[in-house]
Amino acid sequence: MSIDKIFGGKSVGPIEPVKRNRELDSSKAKESGAPKDRVEFSSVLQEASKAKQADPAQAAERAQKVAALKAQVASGSYRPDLEKVAESLLRFMAEDK
């Protein structure tokens, strides 16, 4: 199959005029002071970002707690409060519905 059959005998022209039009459009936008694109994040995302940037004192305290729990699990002496675990699971399941 030849290109002539695809385009019905019409030749495909250069794409330079398209490039020139884009350049003209972008220069007009710059001259007219058109607003630039910008991104705004929702307050939920901003709060999540703040939560990730935890206070160093809190991070150190959390690391100590995690280390203590790991030691208890490794030694076999970790005994979670089963009532608290059950309450937490029930709340989680109720929120999911």
PDB file of N, CA and C in Angstrom:
ATOM      1  N   MET A   1       0.862  -1.170   0.000  1.00  0.00           N
ATOM      2  CA  MET A   1       0.000   0.000   0.000  1.00  0.00           C
ATOM      3  C   MET A   1       0.905   1.229   0.000  1.00  0.00           C
ATOM      4  N   SER A   2       0.576   2.189  -0.794  1.00  0.00           N
ATOM      5  CA  SER A   2       1.404   3.385  -0.856  1.00  0.00           C
ATOM      6  C   SER A   2       0.746   4.521  -0.094  1.00  0.00           C
ATOM      7  N   ILE A   3       1.527   5.529   0.169  1.00  0.00           N
ATOM      8  CA  ILE A   3       1.016   6.691   0.907  1.00  0.00           C
ATOM      9  C   ILE A   3      -0.051   7.409   0.100  1.00  0.00           C
ATOM     10  N   ASP A   4       0.072   7.412  -1.212  1.00  0.00           N
ATOM     11  CA  ASP A   4      -0.939   8.070  -2.045  1.00  0.00           C
ATOM     12  C   ASP A   4      -2.308   7.456  -1.821  1.00  0.00           C
ATOM     13  N   LYS A   5      -2.359   6.137  -1.652  1.00  0.00           N
ATOM     14  CA  LYS A   5      -3.644   5.480  -1.428  1.00  0.00           C
ATOM     15  C   LYS A   5      -4.228   5.847  -0.064  1.00  0.00           C
ATOM     16  N   ILE A   6      -3.376   6.022   0.908  1.00  0.00           N
ATOM     17  CA  ILE A   6      -3.848   6.350   2.254  1.00  0.00           C
ATOM     18  C   ILE A   6      -4.431   7.757   2.297  1.00  0.00           C
ATOM     19  N   PHE A   7      -3.738   8.716   1.683  1.00  0.00           N
ATOM     20  CA  PHE A   7      -4.180  10.098   1.736  1.00  0.00           C
ATOM     21  C   PHE A   7      -4.961  10.525   0.493  1.00  0.00           C
ATOM     22  N   GLY A   8      -5.343   9.590  -0.352  1.00  0.00           N
ATOM     23  CA  GLY A   8      -6.164   9.893  -1.511  1.00  0.00           C
ATOM     24  C   GLY A   8      -5.442  10.740  -2.548  1.00  0.00           C
ATOM     25  N   GLY A   9      -4.164  10.550  -2.713  1.00  0.00           N
ATOM     26  CA  GLY A   9      -3.412  11.283  -3.717  1.00  0.00           C
ATOM     27  C   GLY A   9      -2.959  12.652  -3.250  1.00  0.00           C
ATOM     28  N   LYS A  10      -3.372  13.068  -2.099  1.00  0.00           N
ATOM     29  CA  LYS A  10      -2.962  14.372  -1.570  1.00  0.00           C
ATOM     30  C   LYS A  10      -1.613  14.211  -0.872  1.00  0.00           C
ATOM     31  N   SER A  11      -0.773  15.159  -1.052  1.00  0.00           N
ATOM     32  CA  SER A  11       0.518  15.080  -0.389  1.00  0.00           C
ATOM     33  C   SER A  11       0.414  15.626   1.026  1.00  0.00           C
ATOM     34  N   VAL A  12       1.273  15.138   1.865  1.00  0.00           N
ATOM     35  CA  VAL A  12       1.315  15.594   3.244  1.00  0.00           C
ATOM     36  C   VAL A  12       2.253  16.781   3.303  1.00  0.00           C
ATOM     37  N   GLY A  13       1.771  17.915   3.777  1.00  0.00           N
ATOM     38  CA  GLY A  13       2.570  19.132   3.806  1.00  0.00           C
ATOM     39  C   GLY A  13       3.462  19.197   5.021  1.00  0.00           C
ATOM     40  N   PRO A  14       4.349  20.158   5.034  1.00  0.00           N
ATOM     41  CA  PRO A  14       5.254  20.306   6.174  1.00  0.00           C
ATOM     42  C   PRO A  14       4.497  20.773   7.412  1.00  0.00           C
ATOM     43  N   ILE A  15       5.062  20.492   8.551  1.00  0.00           N
ATOM     44  CA  ILE A  15       4.407  20.876   9.795  1.00  0.00           C
ATOM     45  C   ILE A  15       4.949  22.187  10.353  1.00  0.00           C
ATOM     46  N   GLU A  16       5.779  22.858   9.593  1.00  0.00           N
ATOM     47  CA  GLU A  16       6.341  24.132  10.043  1.00  0.00           C
ATOM     48  C   GLU A  16       5.265  25.163  10.377  1.00  0.00           C
ATOM     49  N   PRO A  17       4.190  25.302   9.570  1.00  0.00           N
ATOM     50  CA  PRO A  17       3.169  26.300   9.937  1.00  0.00           C
ATOM     51  C   PRO A  17       2.569  26.049  11.314  1.00  0.00           C
ATOM     52  N   VAL A  18       2.426  24.794  11.691  1.00  0.00           N
ATOM     53  CA  VAL A  18       1.891  24.471  13.010  1.00  0.00           C
ATOM     54  C   VAL A  18       2.847  24.959  14.088  1.00  0.00           C
ATOM     55  N   LYS A  19       4.143  24.710  13.903  1.00  0.00           N
ATOM     56  CA  LYS A  19       5.135  25.156  14.872  1.00  0.00           C
ATOM     57  C   LYS A  19       5.131  26.671  14.976  1.00  0.00           C
ATOM     58  N   ARG A  20       5.027  27.342  13.840  1.00  0.00           N
ATOM     59  CA  ARG A  20       5.019  28.812  13.867  1.00  0.00           C
ATOM     60  C   ARG A  20       3.810  29.335  14.618  1.00  0.00           C
ATOM     61  N   ASN A  21       2.641  28.716  14.401  1.00  0.00           N
ATOM     62  CA  ASN A  21       1.433  29.152  15.097  1.00  0.00           C
ATOM     63  C   ASN A  21       1.575  28.973  16.606  1.00  0.00           C
ATOM     64  N   ARG A  22       2.175  27.872  17.045  1.00  0.00           N
ATOM     65  CA  ARG A  22       2.378  27.652  18.478  1.00  0.00           C
ATOM     66  C   ARG A  22       3.316  28.698  19.056  1.00  0.00           C
ATOM     67  N   GLU A  23       4.361  29.030  18.301  1.00  0.00           N
ATOM     68  CA  GLU A  23       5.300  30.048  18.776  1.00  0.00           C
ATOM     69  C   GLU A  23       4.617  31.398  18.884  1.00  0.00           C
ATOM     70  N   LEU A  24       3.762  31.728  17.919  1.00  0.00           N
ATOM     71  CA  LEU A  24       3.035  32.994  17.960  1.00  0.00           C
ATOM     72  C   LEU A  24       2.070  33.022  19.135  1.00  0.00           C
ATOM     73  N   ASP A  25       1.365  31.908  19.372  1.00  0.00           N
ATOM     74  CA  ASP A  25       0.431  31.837  20.489  1.00  0.00           C
ATOM     75  C   ASP A  25       1.146  32.003  21.822  1.00  0.00           C
ATOM     76  N   SER A  26       2.304  31.364  21.967  1.00  0.00           N
ATOM     77  CA  SER A  26       3.021  31.463  23.235  1.00  0.00           C
ATOM     78  C   SER A  26       3.581  32.866  23.433  1.00  0.00           C
ATOM     79  N   SER A  27       4.017  33.525  22.357  1.00  0.00           N
ATOM     80  CA  SER A  27       4.527  34.891  22.504  1.00  0.00           C
ATOM     81  C   SER A  27       3.392  35.850  22.827  1.00  0.00           C
ATOM     82  N   LYS A  28       2.208  35.620  22.279  1.00  0.00           N
ATOM     83  CA  LYS A  28       1.042  36.468  22.596  1.00  0.00           C
ATOM     84  C   LYS A  28       0.657  36.308  24.066  1.00  0.00           C
ATOM     85  N   ALA A  29       0.719  35.086  24.564  1.00  0.00           N
ATOM     86  CA  ALA A  29       0.374  34.835  25.963  1.00  0.00           C
ATOM     87  C   ALA A  29       1.344  35.546  26.892  1.00  0.00           C
ATOM     88  N   LYS A  30       2.617  35.560  26.520  1.00  0.00           N
ATOM     89  CA  LYS A  30       3.608  36.246  27.346  1.00  0.00           C
ATOM     90  C   LYS A  30       3.376  37.745  27.347  1.00  0.00           C
ATOM     91  N   GLU A  31       3.039  38.297  26.193  1.00  0.00           N
ATOM     92  CA  GLU A  31       2.819  39.729  26.070  1.00  0.00           C
ATOM     93  C   GLU A  31       1.545  40.164  26.785  1.00  0.00           C
ATOM     94  N   SER A  32       0.515  39.330  26.733  1.00  0.00           N
ATOM     95  CA  SER A  32      -0.766  39.723  27.313  1.00  0.00           C
ATOM     96  C   SER A  32      -0.785  39.567  28.825  1.00  0.00           C
ATOM     97  N   GLY A  33       0.239  38.989  29.391  1.00  0.00           N
ATOM     98  CA  GLY A  33       0.281  38.809  30.844  1.00  0.00           C
ATOM     99  C   GLY A  33      -0.699  37.751  31.306  1.00  0.00           C
ATOM    100  N   ALA A  34      -0.947  36.763  30.473  1.00  0.00           N
ATOM    101  CA  ALA A  34      -1.864  35.688  30.820  1.00  0.00           C
ATOM    102  C   ALA A  34      -1.377  34.982  32.076  1.00  0.00           C
ATOM    103  N   PRO A  35      -2.295  34.586  32.947  1.00  0.00           N
ATOM    104  CA  PRO A  35      -1.874  33.913  34.187  1.00  0.00           C
ATOM    105  C   PRO A  35      -1.205  32.580  33.883  1.00  0.00           C
ATOM    106  N   LYS A  36      -0.216  32.274  34.664  1.00  0.00           N
ATOM    107  CA  LYS A  36       0.508  31.019  34.499  1.00  0.00           C
ATOM    108  C   LYS A  36      -0.240  29.917  35.229  1.00  0.00           C
ATOM    109  N   ASP A  37       0.007  28.685  34.816  1.00  0.00           N
ATOM    110  CA  ASP A  37      -0.592  27.535  35.497  1.00  0.00           C
ATOM    111  C   ASP A  37      -0.029  27.438  36.900  1.00  0.00           C
ATOM    112  N   ARG A  38      -0.874  27.025  37.831  1.00  0.00           N
ATOM    113  CA  ARG A  38      -0.409  26.828  39.199  1.00  0.00           C
ATOM    114  C   ARG A  38      -1.203  25.705  39.830  1.00  0.00           C
ATOM    115  N   VAL A  39      -0.641  25.139  40.852  1.00  0.00           N
ATOM    116  CA  VAL A  39      -1.246  23.996  41.524  1.00  0.00           C
ATOM    117  C   VAL A  39      -1.517  24.370  42.970  1.00  0.00           C
ATOM    118  N   GLU A  40      -2.712  24.046  43.440  1.00  0.00           N
ATOM    119  CA  GLU A  40      -3.057  24.256  44.847  1.00  0.00           C
ATOM    120  C   GLU A  40      -3.478  22.913  45.424  1.00  0.00           C
ATOM    121  N   PHE A  41      -2.945  22.583  46.568  1.00  0.00           N
ATOM    122  CA  PHE A  41      -3.277  21.328  47.209  1.00  0.00           C
ATOM    123  C   PHE A  41      -4.371  21.550  48.240  1.00  0.00           C
ATOM    124  N   SER A  42      -5.198  20.559  48.420  1.00  0.00           N
ATOM    125  CA  SER A  42      -6.277  20.670  49.385  1.00  0.00           C
ATOM    126  C   SER A  42      -5.715  20.711  50.799  1.00  0.00           C
ATOM    127  N   SER A  43      -6.533  21.156  51.706  1.00  0.00           N
ATOM    128  CA  SER A  43      -6.101  21.263  53.101  1.00  0.00           C
ATOM    129  C   SER A  43      -5.787  19.891  53.689  1.00  0.00           C
ATOM    130  N   VAL A  44      -6.460  18.859  53.216  1.00  0.00           N
ATOM    131  CA  VAL A  44      -6.206  17.508  53.714  1.00  0.00           C
ATOM    132  C   VAL A  44      -4.780  17.089  53.357  1.00  0.00           C
ATOM    133  N   LEU A  45      -4.370  17.363  52.132  1.00  0.00           N
ATOM    134  CA  LEU A  45      -3.010  17.017  51.729  1.00  0.00           C
ATOM    135  C   LEU A  45      -1.982  17.838  52.487  1.00  0.00           C
ATOM    136  N   GLN A  46      -2.306  19.097  52.738  1.00  0.00           N
ATOM    137  CA  GLN A  46      -1.382  19.943  53.492  1.00  0.00           C
ATOM    138  C   GLN A  46      -1.233  19.424  54.919  1.00  0.00           C
ATOM    139  N   GLU A  47      -2.316  18.998  55.532  1.00  0.00           N
ATOM    140  CA  GLU A  47      -2.259  18.442  56.884  1.00  0.00           C
ATOM    141  C   GLU A  47      -1.462  17.141  56.904  1.00  0.00           C
ATOM    142  N   ALA A  48      -1.638  16.319  55.878  1.00  0.00           N
ATOM    143  CA  ALA A  48      -0.890  15.064  55.797  1.00  0.00           C
ATOM    144  C   ALA A  48       0.600  15.342  55.669  1.00  0.00           C
ATOM    145  N   SER A  49       0.924  16.371  54.927  1.00  0.00           N
ATOM    146  CA  SER A  49       2.334  16.735  54.771  1.00  0.00           C
ATOM    147  C   SER A  49       2.912  17.195  56.101  1.00  0.00           C
ATOM    148  N   LYS A  50       2.134  17.969  56.846  1.00  0.00           N
ATOM    149  CA  LYS A  50       2.595  18.427  58.161  1.00  0.00           C
ATOM    150  C   LYS A  50       2.776  17.248  59.115  1.00  0.00           C
ATOM    151  N   ALA A  51       1.888  16.276  59.024  1.00  0.00           N
ATOM    152  CA  ALA A  51       1.976  15.107  59.902  1.00  0.00           C
ATOM    153  C   ALA A  51       3.233  14.299  59.609  1.00  0.00           C
ATOM    154  N   LYS A  52       3.641  14.243  58.346  1.00  0.00           N
ATOM    155  CA  LYS A  52       4.855  13.509  57.999  1.00  0.00           C
ATOM    156  C   LYS A  52       6.087  14.180  58.573  1.00  0.00           C
ATOM    157  N   GLN A  53       6.028  15.488  58.696  1.00  0.00           N
ATOM    158  CA  GLN A  53       7.164  16.235  59.234  1.00  0.00           C
ATOM    159  C   GLN A  53       7.013  16.324  60.751  1.00  0.00           C
ATOM    160  N   ALA A  54       7.080  15.178  61.388  1.00  0.00           N
ATOM    161  CA  ALA A  54       6.856  15.090  62.835  1.00  0.00           C
ATOM    162  C   ALA A  54       7.957  15.816  63.598  1.00  0.00           C
ATOM    163  N   ASP A  55       7.599  16.231  64.789  1.00  0.00           N
ATOM    164  CA  ASP A  55       8.532  16.881  65.696  1.00  0.00           C
ATOM    165  C   ASP A  55       9.651  15.890  66.039  1.00  0.00           C
ATOM    166  N   PRO A  56      10.910  16.321  65.996  1.00  0.00           N
ATOM    167  CA  PRO A  56      12.015  15.392  66.303  1.00  0.00           C
ATOM    168  C   PRO A  56      11.891  14.736  67.675  1.00  0.00           C
ATOM    169  N   ALA A  57      11.361  15.456  68.653  1.00  0.00           N
ATOM    170  CA  ALA A  57      11.194  14.876  69.985  1.00  0.00           C
ATOM    171  C   ALA A  57      10.167  13.743  69.942  1.00  0.00           C
ATOM    172  N   GLN A  58       9.091  13.947  69.186  1.00  0.00           N
ATOM    173  CA  GLN A  58       8.079  12.894  69.059  1.00  0.00           C
ATOM    174  C   GLN A  58       8.642  11.693  68.313  1.00  0.00           C
ATOM    175  N   ALA A  59       9.452  11.954  67.298  1.00  0.00           N
ATOM    176  CA  ALA A  59      10.046  10.866  66.530  1.00  0.00           C
ATOM    177  C   ALA A  59      10.977  10.028  67.410  1.00  0.00           C
ATOM    178  N   ALA A  60      11.742  10.680  68.275  1.00  0.00           N
ATOM    179  CA  ALA A  60      12.652   9.956  69.163  1.00  0.00           C
ATOM    180  C   ALA A  60      11.862   9.131  70.178  1.00  0.00           C
ATOM    181  N   GLU A  61      10.785   9.718  70.697  1.00  0.00           N
ATOM    182  CA  GLU A  61       9.944   9.009  71.669  1.00  0.00           C
ATOM    183  C   GLU A  61       9.299   7.783  71.018  1.00  0.00           C
ATOM    184  N   ARG A  62       8.813   7.964  69.781  1.00  0.00           N
ATOM    185  CA  ARG A  62       8.196   6.850  69.060  1.00  0.00           C
ATOM    186  C   ARG A  62       9.226   5.747  68.791  1.00  0.00           C
ATOM    187  N   ALA A  63      10.436   6.131  68.431  1.00  0.00           N
ATOM    188  CA  ALA A  63      11.488   5.151  68.164  1.00  0.00           C
ATOM    189  C   ALA A  63      11.798   4.337  69.416  1.00  0.00           C
ATOM    190  N   GLN A  64      11.788   4.982  70.575  1.00  0.00           N
ATOM    191  CA  GLN A  64      12.037   4.267  71.830  1.00  0.00           C
ATOM    192  C   GLN A  64      10.921   3.261  72.107  1.00  0.00           C
ATOM    193  N   LYS A  65       9.675   3.686  71.885  1.00  0.00           N
ATOM    194  CA  LYS A  65       8.543   2.786  72.114  1.00  0.00           C
ATOM    195  C   LYS A  65       8.605   1.580  71.176  1.00  0.00           C
ATOM    196  N   VAL A  66       8.927   1.842  69.917  1.00  0.00           N
ATOM    197  CA  VAL A  66       9.006   0.757  68.940  1.00  0.00           C
ATOM    198  C   VAL A  66      10.124  -0.215  69.314  1.00  0.00           C
ATOM    199  N   ALA A  67      11.261   0.321  69.749  1.00  0.00           N
ATOM    200  CA  ALA A  67      12.376  -0.538  70.150  1.00  0.00           C
ATOM    201  C   ALA A  67      11.989  -1.400  71.347  1.00  0.00           C
ATOM    202  N   ALA A  68      11.272  -0.810  72.301  1.00  0.00           N
ATOM    203  CA  ALA A  68      10.844  -1.572  73.481  1.00  0.00           C
ATOM    204  C   ALA A  68       9.873  -2.678  73.080  1.00  0.00           C
ATOM    205  N   LEU A  69       8.940  -2.360  72.181  1.00  0.00           N
ATOM    206  CA  LEU A  69       7.984  -3.376  71.732  1.00  0.00           C
ATOM    207  C   LEU A  69       8.681  -4.495  70.955  1.00  0.00           C
ATOM    208  N   LYS A  70       9.654  -4.128  70.133  1.00  0.00           N
ATOM    209  CA  LYS A  70      10.402  -5.150  69.392  1.00  0.00           C
ATOM    210  C   LYS A  70      11.139  -6.081  70.344  1.00  0.00           C
ATOM    211  N   ALA A  71      11.699  -5.521  71.398  1.00  0.00           N
ATOM    212  CA  ALA A  71      12.418  -6.336  72.381  1.00  0.00           C
ATOM    213  C   ALA A  71      11.459  -7.287  73.082  1.00  0.00           C
ATOM    214  N   GLN A  72      10.262  -6.795  73.423  1.00  0.00           N
ATOM    215  CA  GLN A  72       9.272  -7.645  74.079  1.00  0.00           C
ATOM    216  C   GLN A  72       8.827  -8.775  73.158  1.00  0.00           C
ATOM    217  N   VAL A  73       8.596  -8.450  71.879  1.00  0.00           N
ATOM    218  CA  VAL A  73       8.166  -9.478  70.929  1.00  0.00           C
ATOM    219  C   VAL A  73       9.275 -10.516  70.756  1.00  0.00           C
ATOM    220  N   ALA A  74      10.519 -10.054  70.652  1.00  0.00           N
ATOM    221  CA  ALA A  74      11.646 -10.968  70.463  1.00  0.00           C
ATOM    222  C   ALA A  74      11.819 -11.901  71.651  1.00  0.00           C
ATOM    223  N   SER A  75      11.567 -11.376  72.862  1.00  0.00           N
ATOM    224  CA  SER A  75      11.747 -12.210  74.054  1.00  0.00           C
ATOM    225  C   SER A  75      10.510 -13.052  74.367  1.00  0.00           C
ATOM    226  N   GLY A  76       9.404 -12.774  73.689  1.00  0.00           N
ATOM    227  CA  GLY A  76       8.177 -13.531  73.934  1.00  0.00           C
ATOM    228  C   GLY A  76       7.372 -13.005  75.101  1.00  0.00           C
ATOM    229  N   SER A  77       7.727 -11.846  75.630  1.00  0.00           N
ATOM    230  CA  SER A  77       7.013 -11.306  76.781  1.00  0.00           C
ATOM    231  C   SER A  77       5.953 -10.271  76.403  1.00  0.00           C
ATOM    232  N   TYR A  78       5.721 -10.033  75.122  1.00  0.00           N
ATOM    233  CA  TYR A  78       4.727  -9.030  74.699  1.00  0.00           C
ATOM    234  C   TYR A  78       3.336  -9.614  74.858  1.00  0.00           C
ATOM    235  N   ARG A  79       2.518  -8.925  75.636  1.00  0.00           N
ATOM    236  CA  ARG A  79       1.139  -9.344  75.878  1.00  0.00           C
ATOM    237  C   ARG A  79       0.229  -8.135  75.632  1.00  0.00           C
ATOM    238  N   PRO A  80      -0.370  -8.028  74.445  1.00  0.00           N
ATOM    239  CA  PRO A  80      -1.248  -6.896  74.172  1.00  0.00           C
ATOM    240  C   PRO A  80      -2.544  -6.995  74.971  1.00  0.00           C
ATOM    241  N   ASP A  81      -3.159  -5.849  75.216  1.00  0.00           N
ATOM    242  CA  ASP A  81      -4.445  -5.795  75.897  1.00  0.00           C
ATOM    243  C   ASP A  81      -5.505  -6.210  74.879  1.00  0.00           C
ATOM    244  N   LEU A  82      -6.042  -7.398  75.040  1.00  0.00           N
ATOM    245  CA  LEU A  82      -6.958  -7.958  74.054  1.00  0.00           C
ATOM    246  C   LEU A  82      -8.252  -7.163  73.934  1.00  0.00           C
ATOM    247  N   GLU A  83      -8.704  -6.548  75.022  1.00  0.00           N
ATOM    248  CA  GLU A  83      -9.927  -5.740  74.965  1.00  0.00           C
ATOM    249  C   GLU A  83      -9.701  -4.496  74.100  1.00  0.00           C
ATOM    250  N   LYS A  84      -8.549  -3.863  74.255  1.00  0.00           N
ATOM    251  CA  LYS A  84      -8.243  -2.691  73.428  1.00  0.00           C
ATOM    252  C   LYS A  84      -8.126  -3.065  71.954  1.00  0.00           C
ATOM    253  N   VAL A  85      -7.519  -4.202  71.685  1.00  0.00           N
ATOM    254  CA  VAL A  85      -7.389  -4.671  70.309  1.00  0.00           C
ATOM    255  C   VAL A  85      -8.775  -4.913  69.718  1.00  0.00           C
ATOM    256  N   ALA A  86      -9.644  -5.570  70.473  1.00  0.00           N
ATOM    257  CA  ALA A  86     -10.994  -5.862  69.992  1.00  0.00           C
ATOM    258  C   ALA A  86     -11.777  -4.574  69.754  1.00  0.00           C
ATOM    259  N   GLU A  87     -11.691  -3.617  70.683  1.00  0.00           N
ATOM    260  CA  GLU A  87     -12.383  -2.333  70.507  1.00  0.00           C
ATOM    261  C   GLU A  87     -11.895  -1.627  69.246  1.00  0.00           C
ATOM    262  N   SER A  88     -10.613  -1.636  69.060  1.00  0.00           N
ATOM    263  CA  SER A  88     -10.025  -0.980  67.898  1.00  0.00           C
ATOM    264  C   SER A  88     -10.493  -1.638  66.601  1.00  0.00           C
ATOM    265  N   LEU A  89     -10.523  -2.962  66.576  1.00  0.00           N
ATOM    266  CA  LEU A  89     -10.993  -3.673  65.387  1.00  0.00           C
ATOM    267  C   LEU A  89     -12.459  -3.387  65.099  1.00  0.00           C
ATOM    268  N   LEU A  90     -13.273  -3.360  66.141  1.00  0.00           N
ATOM    269  CA  LEU A  90     -14.700  -3.077  65.956  1.00  0.00           C
ATOM    270  C   LEU A  90     -14.912  -1.668  65.419  1.00  0.00           C
ATOM    271  N   ARG A  91     -14.179  -0.685  65.957  1.00  0.00           N
ATOM    272  CA  ARG A  91     -14.294   0.696  65.454  1.00  0.00           C
ATOM    273  C   ARG A  91     -13.873   0.763  63.989  1.00  0.00           C
ATOM    274  N   PHE A  92     -12.805   0.083  63.652  1.00  0.00           N
ATOM    275  CA  PHE A  92     -12.302   0.072  62.279  1.00  0.00           C
ATOM    276  C   PHE A  92     -13.334  -0.532  61.334  1.00  0.00           C
ATOM    277  N   MET A  93     -13.923  -1.645  61.749  1.00  0.00           N
ATOM    278  CA  MET A  93     -14.918  -2.321  60.911  1.00  0.00           C
ATOM    279  C   MET A  93     -16.178  -1.484  60.775  1.00  0.00           C
ATOM    280  N   ALA A  94     -16.565  -0.769  61.842  1.00  0.00           N
ATOM    281  CA  ALA A  94     -17.764   0.064  61.793  1.00  0.00           C
ATOM    282  C   ALA A  94     -17.541   1.276  60.861  1.00  0.00           C
ATOM    283  N   GLU A  95     -16.334   1.830  60.855  1.00  0.00           N
ATOM    284  CA  GLU A  95     -16.034   2.956  59.990  1.00  0.00           C
ATOM    285  C   GLU A  95     -16.019   2.547  58.533  1.00  0.00           C
ATOM    286  N   ASP A  96     -15.636   1.316  58.259  1.00  0.00           N
ATOM    287  CA  ASP A  96     -15.488   0.831  56.889  1.00  0.00           C
ATOM    288  C   ASP A  96     -16.845   0.688  56.204  1.00  0.00           C
ATOM    289  N   LYS A  97     -17.909   0.471  56.942  1.00  0.00           N
ATOM    290  CA  LYS A  97     -19.243   0.238  56.359  1.00  0.00           C
ATOM    291  C   LYS A  97     -19.905   1.501  55.965  1.00  0.00           C
TER     292      LYS A  97
END
